[in-house]
C-alpha cells in the first residue's frame, strides 16, 4: 500500500455560521490542496468533511497518516465512539442522537477502503501543514462562492 499523509482542518465564522475546510495531501514529492466553503454549517461538520474529502481523493487503497487538530474527529475514531453510535442505531445515549450521522457514515465507508491512522495535532501551534489547512479553510469561507450544506440542520 502507498503511504499518504493528510492534514485536515475545518473552520466556521460563527458556530453555526459560514464554514469551510482545508486539506493538504502529501505523497512523496507530490502535494495537493483542497478547500471548499459553505453558507451555514458547524465547525464539527467541517472537521469531519475535511477528512472525507481528503480520503475521497485517493485512487486506490492507501495507508494514511491523517493529522487533525479536532479532538472530535480523532477521539471519535480512535476511541470507537463512531462504531458504538452506529451499533446503537446512531444514538450516543438512549435519548441522545449522534450528530453529523451523514458524514460519519461516509467516513466509516472510507476507512473500510483505506488503513487510516488518526493523529491529533495541537491547532495553532506552528505546525506548518495544520496552519496551511486553517488558511485554506478560512479563505474558502471568505471567497464568497459558498455552497449549501444540504444535510446541516439548525435544530
N, C-alpha and C. Protein backbone atom coordinates (compact mmCIF):
# COMPACT_ATOMS: atom_id res chain seq x y z
N UNK A 1 0.83 -1.19 0.00
CA UNK A 1 0.00 0.00 0.00
C UNK A 1 0.87 1.25 0.00
N UNK A 2 0.46 2.23 -0.77
CA UNK A 2 1.14 3.51 -0.74
C UNK A 2 0.85 4.19 0.60
N UNK A 3 1.85 4.92 1.11
CA UNK A 3 1.63 5.70 2.33
C UNK A 3 1.43 7.15 1.96
N UNK A 4 0.31 7.70 2.40
CA UNK A 4 -0.07 9.07 2.13
C UNK A 4 -0.24 9.79 3.46
N UNK A 5 0.15 11.04 3.51
CA UNK A 5 -0.06 11.87 4.69
C UNK A 5 -1.10 12.92 4.35
N UNK A 6 -2.11 13.05 5.21
CA UNK A 6 -3.16 14.03 5.00
C UNK A 6 -3.28 14.88 6.26
N UNK A 7 -3.32 16.20 6.06
CA UNK A 7 -3.63 17.15 7.12
C UNK A 7 -5.00 17.74 6.82
N UNK A 8 -5.82 17.94 7.86
CA UNK A 8 -7.16 18.48 7.64
C UNK A 8 -7.48 19.52 8.71
N UNK A 9 -8.38 20.43 8.34
CA UNK A 9 -8.91 21.39 9.31
C UNK A 9 -10.24 21.90 8.82
N UNK A 10 -11.11 22.19 9.76
CA UNK A 10 -12.38 22.81 9.49
C UNK A 10 -12.46 24.12 10.25
N UNK A 11 -13.27 25.05 9.75
CA UNK A 11 -13.41 26.34 10.40
C UNK A 11 -14.82 26.86 10.19
N UNK A 12 -15.26 27.70 11.11
CA UNK A 12 -16.54 28.38 10.98
C UNK A 12 -16.40 29.81 11.44
N UNK A 13 -17.15 30.69 10.81
CA UNK A 13 -17.27 32.06 11.25
C UNK A 13 -18.63 32.16 11.92
N UNK A 14 -18.64 31.98 13.24
CA UNK A 14 -19.86 31.71 13.97
C UNK A 14 -20.03 30.20 13.98
N UNK A 15 -20.70 29.68 14.97
CA UNK A 15 -20.89 28.23 15.03
C UNK A 15 -22.27 27.94 15.62
N UNK A 16 -23.28 27.76 14.79
CA UNK A 16 -23.22 27.63 13.32
C UNK A 16 -22.97 28.98 12.63
N UNK A 17 -22.53 28.84 11.40
CA UNK A 17 -22.25 30.00 10.58
C UNK A 17 -21.65 29.56 9.27
N UNK A 18 -21.05 30.49 8.56
CA UNK A 18 -20.35 30.15 7.33
C UNK A 18 -19.15 29.30 7.70
N UNK A 19 -18.92 28.25 6.94
CA UNK A 19 -17.84 27.33 7.29
C UNK A 19 -17.05 26.89 6.08
N UNK A 20 -15.91 26.30 6.36
CA UNK A 20 -15.07 25.79 5.29
C UNK A 20 -14.11 24.75 5.81
N UNK A 21 -13.49 24.04 4.88
CA UNK A 21 -12.48 23.06 5.26
C UNK A 21 -11.25 23.26 4.39
N UNK A 22 -10.12 22.79 4.91
CA UNK A 22 -8.88 22.79 4.16
C UNK A 22 -8.20 21.45 4.33
N UNK A 23 -7.58 20.97 3.25
CA UNK A 23 -6.91 19.67 3.25
C UNK A 23 -5.58 19.80 2.51
N UNK A 24 -4.55 19.19 3.07
CA UNK A 24 -3.27 19.07 2.39
C UNK A 24 -2.95 17.58 2.31
N UNK A 25 -2.75 17.07 1.09
CA UNK A 25 -2.36 15.68 0.85
C UNK A 25 -0.92 15.66 0.40
N UNK A 26 -0.13 14.74 0.99
CA UNK A 26 1.28 14.61 0.65
C UNK A 26 1.58 13.15 0.31
N UNK A 27 2.23 12.96 -0.84
CA UNK A 27 2.68 11.63 -1.24
C UNK A 27 4.01 11.81 -1.96
N UNK A 28 5.08 11.35 -1.32
CA UNK A 28 6.40 11.58 -1.90
C UNK A 28 6.63 13.07 -2.06
N UNK A 29 6.95 13.50 -3.27
CA UNK A 29 7.14 14.93 -3.53
C UNK A 29 5.86 15.61 -4.02
N UNK A 30 4.80 14.83 -4.20
CA UNK A 30 3.53 15.38 -4.68
C UNK A 30 2.76 16.02 -3.53
N UNK A 31 2.07 17.09 -3.86
CA UNK A 31 1.27 17.83 -2.88
C UNK A 31 -0.03 18.26 -3.56
N UNK A 32 -1.14 18.12 -2.83
CA UNK A 32 -2.43 18.57 -3.34
C UNK A 32 -3.14 19.29 -2.21
N UNK A 33 -3.76 20.41 -2.53
CA UNK A 33 -4.53 21.16 -1.54
C UNK A 33 -5.97 21.27 -1.99
N UNK A 34 -6.89 21.16 -1.02
CA UNK A 34 -8.32 21.23 -1.30
C UNK A 34 -8.98 22.18 -0.31
N UNK A 35 -10.03 22.85 -0.74
CA UNK A 35 -10.83 23.64 0.19
C UNK A 35 -12.18 23.92 -0.45
N UNK A 36 -13.13 24.21 0.42
CA UNK A 36 -14.50 24.49 -0.03
C UNK A 36 -15.20 25.23 1.10
N UNK A 37 -16.12 26.12 0.75
CA UNK A 37 -16.85 26.87 1.76
C UNK A 37 -18.35 26.65 1.67
N UNK A 38 -19.04 26.83 2.81
CA UNK A 38 -20.48 26.59 2.91
C UNK A 38 -21.15 27.74 3.65
N UNK A 39 -22.39 28.06 3.24
CA UNK A 39 -23.12 29.19 3.81
C UNK A 39 -23.45 29.01 5.28
N UNK A 40 -23.97 27.85 5.64
CA UNK A 40 -24.41 27.63 7.02
C UNK A 40 -24.09 26.19 7.41
N UNK A 41 -23.25 26.05 8.43
CA UNK A 41 -22.81 24.73 8.86
C UNK A 41 -22.25 24.86 10.27
N UNK A 42 -21.56 23.83 10.72
CA UNK A 42 -20.89 23.89 12.03
C UNK A 42 -19.42 23.54 11.87
N UNK A 43 -18.65 23.91 12.86
CA UNK A 43 -17.23 23.59 12.85
C UNK A 43 -17.01 22.08 12.83
N UNK A 44 -17.77 21.33 13.65
CA UNK A 44 -17.59 19.88 13.67
C UNK A 44 -17.89 19.25 12.32
N UNK A 45 -18.92 19.73 11.63
CA UNK A 45 -19.22 19.19 10.30
C UNK A 45 -18.04 19.44 9.35
N UNK A 46 -17.45 20.60 9.43
CA UNK A 46 -16.33 20.92 8.54
C UNK A 46 -15.10 20.09 8.88
N UNK A 47 -14.89 19.81 10.16
CA UNK A 47 -13.76 18.96 10.55
C UNK A 47 -13.91 17.55 9.96
N UNK A 48 -15.10 16.98 10.05
CA UNK A 48 -15.34 15.63 9.53
C UNK A 48 -15.30 15.65 8.00
N UNK A 49 -15.92 16.67 7.40
CA UNK A 49 -15.95 16.74 5.93
C UNK A 49 -14.54 16.88 5.35
N UNK A 50 -13.67 17.59 6.03
CA UNK A 50 -12.28 17.72 5.56
C UNK A 50 -11.62 16.35 5.45
N UNK A 51 -11.82 15.51 6.45
CA UNK A 51 -11.25 14.16 6.43
C UNK A 51 -11.83 13.37 5.26
N UNK A 52 -13.13 13.44 5.09
CA UNK A 52 -13.80 12.71 3.99
C UNK A 52 -13.23 13.15 2.64
N UNK A 53 -13.17 14.46 2.43
CA UNK A 53 -12.71 14.97 1.14
C UNK A 53 -11.26 14.57 0.86
N UNK A 54 -10.43 14.55 1.89
CA UNK A 54 -9.05 14.11 1.70
C UNK A 54 -8.98 12.65 1.29
N UNK A 55 -9.72 11.81 1.99
CA UNK A 55 -9.72 10.37 1.68
C UNK A 55 -10.36 10.07 0.33
N UNK A 56 -11.37 10.84 -0.05
CA UNK A 56 -12.03 10.62 -1.35
C UNK A 56 -11.10 10.90 -2.53
N UNK A 57 -10.04 11.64 -2.33
CA UNK A 57 -9.08 11.93 -3.41
C UNK A 57 -8.22 10.73 -3.78
N UNK A 58 -8.12 9.78 -2.87
CA UNK A 58 -7.22 8.65 -3.08
C UNK A 58 -7.81 7.69 -4.10
N UNK A 59 -7.01 7.30 -5.09
CA UNK A 59 -7.50 6.49 -6.20
C UNK A 59 -7.37 5.00 -5.98
N UNK A 60 -6.69 4.62 -4.91
CA UNK A 60 -6.52 3.20 -4.58
C UNK A 60 -6.38 3.09 -3.07
N UNK A 61 -6.56 1.90 -2.51
CA UNK A 61 -6.39 1.75 -1.07
C UNK A 61 -5.00 2.18 -0.62
N UNK A 62 -4.95 2.97 0.43
CA UNK A 62 -3.68 3.51 0.92
C UNK A 62 -3.59 3.38 2.43
N UNK A 63 -2.35 3.43 2.91
CA UNK A 63 -2.09 3.58 4.34
C UNK A 63 -1.98 5.09 4.55
N UNK A 64 -2.85 5.63 5.38
CA UNK A 64 -2.94 7.08 5.55
C UNK A 64 -2.59 7.48 6.97
N UNK A 65 -1.67 8.42 7.09
CA UNK A 65 -1.43 9.10 8.35
C UNK A 65 -2.22 10.39 8.27
N UNK A 66 -3.29 10.47 9.04
CA UNK A 66 -4.20 11.60 8.96
C UNK A 66 -4.06 12.46 10.22
N UNK A 67 -3.64 13.70 10.01
CA UNK A 67 -3.43 14.64 11.11
C UNK A 67 -4.58 15.64 11.18
N UNK A 68 -5.16 15.78 12.35
CA UNK A 68 -6.25 16.72 12.56
C UNK A 68 -6.09 17.37 13.92
N UNK A 69 -6.50 18.63 14.01
CA UNK A 69 -6.50 19.30 15.32
C UNK A 69 -7.86 19.17 16.00
N UNK A 70 -8.72 18.33 15.45
CA UNK A 70 -10.06 18.13 16.00
C UNK A 70 -10.09 16.90 16.92
N UNK A 71 -10.24 17.15 18.21
CA UNK A 71 -10.41 16.03 19.15
C UNK A 71 -11.71 15.30 18.82
N UNK A 72 -12.71 16.02 18.36
CA UNK A 72 -13.99 15.42 17.97
C UNK A 72 -13.76 14.31 16.96
N UNK A 73 -13.00 14.58 15.92
CA UNK A 73 -12.73 13.58 14.88
C UNK A 73 -11.80 12.48 15.38
N UNK A 74 -10.67 12.88 15.93
CA UNK A 74 -9.65 11.90 16.32
C UNK A 74 -10.17 10.99 17.43
N UNK A 75 -10.79 11.56 18.45
CA UNK A 75 -11.32 10.72 19.53
C UNK A 75 -12.48 9.85 19.07
N UNK A 76 -13.35 10.40 18.24
CA UNK A 76 -14.48 9.61 17.75
C UNK A 76 -14.01 8.36 17.01
N UNK A 77 -12.93 8.50 16.26
CA UNK A 77 -12.41 7.36 15.51
C UNK A 77 -11.53 6.47 16.38
N UNK A 78 -10.59 7.04 17.11
CA UNK A 78 -9.64 6.24 17.88
C UNK A 78 -10.25 5.59 19.11
N UNK A 79 -11.24 6.21 19.70
CA UNK A 79 -11.86 5.66 20.91
C UNK A 79 -13.10 4.83 20.60
N UNK A 80 -13.41 4.69 19.31
CA UNK A 80 -14.51 3.83 18.90
C UNK A 80 -15.90 4.41 19.12
N UNK A 81 -15.98 5.72 19.35
CA UNK A 81 -17.29 6.32 19.58
C UNK A 81 -18.20 6.12 18.37
N UNK A 82 -17.66 6.33 17.17
CA UNK A 82 -18.48 6.25 15.95
C UNK A 82 -19.02 4.84 15.75
N UNK A 83 -18.20 3.84 15.96
CA UNK A 83 -18.70 2.47 15.78
C UNK A 83 -19.75 2.14 16.84
N UNK A 84 -19.59 2.68 18.04
CA UNK A 84 -20.63 2.49 19.07
C UNK A 84 -21.92 3.18 18.68
N UNK A 85 -21.83 4.41 18.16
CA UNK A 85 -23.03 5.12 17.73
C UNK A 85 -23.74 4.33 16.63
N UNK A 86 -22.97 3.82 15.69
CA UNK A 86 -23.57 3.04 14.59
C UNK A 86 -24.26 1.79 15.15
N UNK A 87 -23.58 1.11 16.06
CA UNK A 87 -24.15 -0.10 16.66
C UNK A 87 -25.46 0.20 17.41
N UNK A 88 -25.55 1.39 17.98
CA UNK A 88 -26.75 1.81 18.73
C UNK A 88 -27.74 2.56 17.84
N UNK A 89 -27.68 2.30 16.53
CA UNK A 89 -28.58 2.94 15.57
C UNK A 89 -28.44 4.46 15.60
N UNK A 90 -27.21 4.94 15.74
CA UNK A 90 -26.84 6.34 15.71
C UNK A 90 -27.37 7.15 16.89
N UNK A 91 -27.35 6.50 18.04
CA UNK A 91 -27.65 7.18 19.31
C UNK A 91 -26.38 7.15 20.16
N UNK A 92 -26.09 8.29 20.82
CA UNK A 92 -24.96 8.34 21.76
C UNK A 92 -25.38 7.75 23.10
N UNK A 93 -26.60 8.06 23.49
CA UNK A 93 -27.22 7.53 24.71
C UNK A 93 -28.62 7.10 24.31
N UNK A 94 -29.34 6.43 25.19
CA UNK A 94 -30.70 6.01 24.80
C UNK A 94 -31.60 7.15 24.34
N UNK A 95 -31.33 8.38 24.78
CA UNK A 95 -32.19 9.51 24.40
C UNK A 95 -31.51 10.54 23.51
N UNK A 96 -30.20 10.46 23.36
CA UNK A 96 -29.47 11.49 22.60
C UNK A 96 -28.94 10.93 21.29
N UNK A 97 -29.45 11.47 20.18
CA UNK A 97 -28.98 11.05 18.86
C UNK A 97 -27.56 11.58 18.62
N UNK A 98 -26.81 10.84 17.85
CA UNK A 98 -25.49 11.30 17.42
C UNK A 98 -25.66 12.42 16.40
N UNK A 99 -24.73 13.33 16.35
CA UNK A 99 -24.74 14.42 15.38
C UNK A 99 -23.93 14.02 14.15
N UNK A 100 -24.26 14.64 13.04
CA UNK A 100 -23.48 14.51 11.80
C UNK A 100 -23.41 13.08 11.28
N UNK A 101 -24.49 12.35 11.46
CA UNK A 101 -24.53 10.93 11.07
C UNK A 101 -24.23 10.75 9.59
N UNK A 102 -24.74 11.65 8.74
CA UNK A 102 -24.49 11.53 7.30
C UNK A 102 -22.99 11.51 7.00
N UNK A 103 -22.24 12.35 7.70
CA UNK A 103 -20.80 12.41 7.48
C UNK A 103 -20.07 11.22 8.09
N UNK A 104 -20.47 10.83 9.29
CA UNK A 104 -19.82 9.67 9.92
C UNK A 104 -20.01 8.41 9.08
N UNK A 105 -21.17 8.24 8.49
CA UNK A 105 -21.41 7.07 7.62
C UNK A 105 -20.44 7.09 6.44
N UNK A 106 -20.27 8.25 5.81
CA UNK A 106 -19.33 8.36 4.68
C UNK A 106 -17.91 8.07 5.13
N UNK A 107 -17.53 8.59 6.28
CA UNK A 107 -16.17 8.37 6.77
C UNK A 107 -15.91 6.91 7.08
N UNK A 108 -16.86 6.25 7.72
CA UNK A 108 -16.68 4.83 8.03
C UNK A 108 -16.51 4.00 6.76
N UNK A 109 -17.26 4.33 5.72
CA UNK A 109 -17.09 3.61 4.44
C UNK A 109 -15.68 3.78 3.90
N UNK A 110 -15.13 4.98 4.01
CA UNK A 110 -13.78 5.23 3.51
C UNK A 110 -12.73 4.51 4.34
N UNK A 111 -12.96 4.36 5.63
CA UNK A 111 -11.99 3.65 6.47
C UNK A 111 -12.04 2.14 6.23
N UNK A 112 -13.04 1.67 5.51
CA UNK A 112 -13.06 0.27 5.10
C UNK A 112 -12.19 0.05 3.86
N UNK A 113 -11.91 1.12 3.12
CA UNK A 113 -11.07 1.05 1.93
C UNK A 113 -9.61 1.30 2.28
N UNK A 114 -9.38 2.29 3.13
CA UNK A 114 -8.03 2.73 3.47
C UNK A 114 -7.71 2.39 4.92
N UNK A 115 -6.44 2.13 5.18
CA UNK A 115 -5.98 1.95 6.56
C UNK A 115 -5.58 3.35 7.04
N UNK A 116 -6.39 3.90 7.96
CA UNK A 116 -6.19 5.28 8.38
C UNK A 116 -5.77 5.32 9.84
N UNK A 117 -4.66 5.99 10.10
CA UNK A 117 -4.22 6.27 11.47
C UNK A 117 -4.56 7.72 11.76
N UNK A 118 -5.43 7.95 12.73
CA UNK A 118 -5.85 9.30 13.10
C UNK A 118 -4.91 9.82 14.19
N UNK A 119 -4.29 10.97 13.91
CA UNK A 119 -3.29 11.54 14.81
C UNK A 119 -3.71 12.98 15.13
N UNK A 120 -3.82 13.27 16.42
CA UNK A 120 -4.19 14.62 16.85
C UNK A 120 -2.95 15.51 16.89
N UNK A 121 -3.10 16.72 16.36
CA UNK A 121 -2.08 17.75 16.48
C UNK A 121 -2.72 18.98 17.10
N UNK A 122 -1.96 19.65 17.92
CA UNK A 122 -2.47 20.87 18.54
C UNK A 122 -2.64 21.94 17.48
N UNK A 123 -3.83 22.56 17.44
CA UNK A 123 -4.09 23.62 16.48
C UNK A 123 -3.37 24.90 16.84
N UNK A 124 -3.01 25.67 15.84
CA UNK A 124 -2.37 26.98 16.01
C UNK A 124 -1.11 26.87 16.88
N UNK A 125 -0.34 25.82 16.62
CA UNK A 125 0.87 25.57 17.40
C UNK A 125 2.10 25.45 16.49
N UNK A 126 2.08 26.22 15.41
CA UNK A 126 3.22 26.31 14.50
C UNK A 126 3.51 25.03 13.72
N UNK A 127 2.49 24.19 13.51
CA UNK A 127 2.64 23.05 12.61
C UNK A 127 2.32 23.59 11.21
N UNK A 128 3.30 23.68 10.31
CA UNK A 128 3.08 24.35 9.03
C UNK A 128 1.92 23.79 8.21
N UNK A 129 1.76 22.48 8.16
CA UNK A 129 0.68 21.91 7.35
C UNK A 129 -0.68 22.13 7.99
N UNK A 130 -0.76 22.04 9.31
CA UNK A 130 -2.01 22.34 10.00
C UNK A 130 -2.37 23.81 9.82
N UNK A 131 -1.39 24.67 9.89
CA UNK A 131 -1.64 26.10 9.69
C UNK A 131 -2.11 26.37 8.25
N UNK A 132 -1.53 25.65 7.30
CA UNK A 132 -1.95 25.82 5.90
C UNK A 132 -3.40 25.38 5.72
N UNK A 133 -3.79 24.28 6.35
CA UNK A 133 -5.18 23.83 6.27
C UNK A 133 -6.13 24.89 6.83
N UNK A 134 -5.75 25.49 7.95
CA UNK A 134 -6.57 26.55 8.53
C UNK A 134 -6.69 27.72 7.57
N UNK A 135 -5.58 28.11 6.92
CA UNK A 135 -5.62 29.20 5.93
C UNK A 135 -6.56 28.86 4.78
N UNK A 136 -6.47 27.61 4.29
CA UNK A 136 -7.34 27.18 3.19
C UNK A 136 -8.80 27.23 3.59
N UNK A 137 -9.11 26.75 4.80
CA UNK A 137 -10.50 26.73 5.28
C UNK A 137 -11.04 28.15 5.41
N UNK A 138 -10.26 29.04 5.98
CA UNK A 138 -10.71 30.43 6.18
C UNK A 138 -10.83 31.17 4.85
N UNK A 139 -9.91 30.90 3.93
CA UNK A 139 -10.00 31.51 2.61
C UNK A 139 -11.25 31.04 1.88
N UNK A 140 -11.61 29.78 2.05
CA UNK A 140 -12.83 29.25 1.41
C UNK A 140 -14.08 29.96 1.95
N UNK A 141 -14.09 30.24 3.25
CA UNK A 141 -15.22 30.97 3.84
C UNK A 141 -15.31 32.37 3.24
N UNK A 142 -14.17 33.01 3.08
CA UNK A 142 -14.13 34.40 2.63
C UNK A 142 -14.22 34.54 1.11
N UNK A 143 -14.17 33.44 0.37
CA UNK A 143 -14.16 33.50 -1.09
C UNK A 143 -15.50 33.98 -1.65
N UNK A 144 -16.56 33.81 -0.89
CA UNK A 144 -17.85 34.33 -1.33
C UNK A 144 -18.73 33.35 -2.07
N UNK A 145 -18.18 32.38 -2.77
CA UNK A 145 -18.99 31.42 -3.54
C UNK A 145 -19.30 30.22 -2.64
N UNK A 146 -20.14 30.45 -1.63
CA UNK A 146 -20.40 29.42 -0.62
C UNK A 146 -21.52 28.50 -1.07
N UNK A 147 -21.33 27.23 -0.80
CA UNK A 147 -22.31 26.21 -1.15
C UNK A 147 -23.29 25.98 0.00
N UNK A 148 -24.31 25.21 -0.29
CA UNK A 148 -25.28 24.81 0.73
C UNK A 148 -24.83 23.49 1.34
N UNK A 149 -24.77 23.43 2.66
CA UNK A 149 -24.53 22.16 3.37
C UNK A 149 -25.90 21.53 3.54
N UNK A 150 -26.29 20.72 2.56
CA UNK A 150 -27.67 20.24 2.47
C UNK A 150 -28.12 19.41 3.67
N UNK A 151 -27.20 18.78 4.36
CA UNK A 151 -27.60 17.93 5.49
C UNK A 151 -27.47 18.62 6.83
N UNK A 152 -27.03 19.88 6.83
CA UNK A 152 -26.96 20.60 8.10
C UNK A 152 -28.39 20.99 8.50
N UNK A 153 -28.68 20.73 9.76
CA UNK A 153 -29.99 21.12 10.28
C UNK A 153 -29.77 21.97 11.52
N UNK A 154 -30.23 23.19 11.43
CA UNK A 154 -30.10 24.11 12.56
C UNK A 154 -31.24 23.82 13.54
N UNK A 155 -31.00 22.88 14.46
CA UNK A 155 -32.06 22.45 15.39
C UNK A 155 -31.88 23.18 16.70
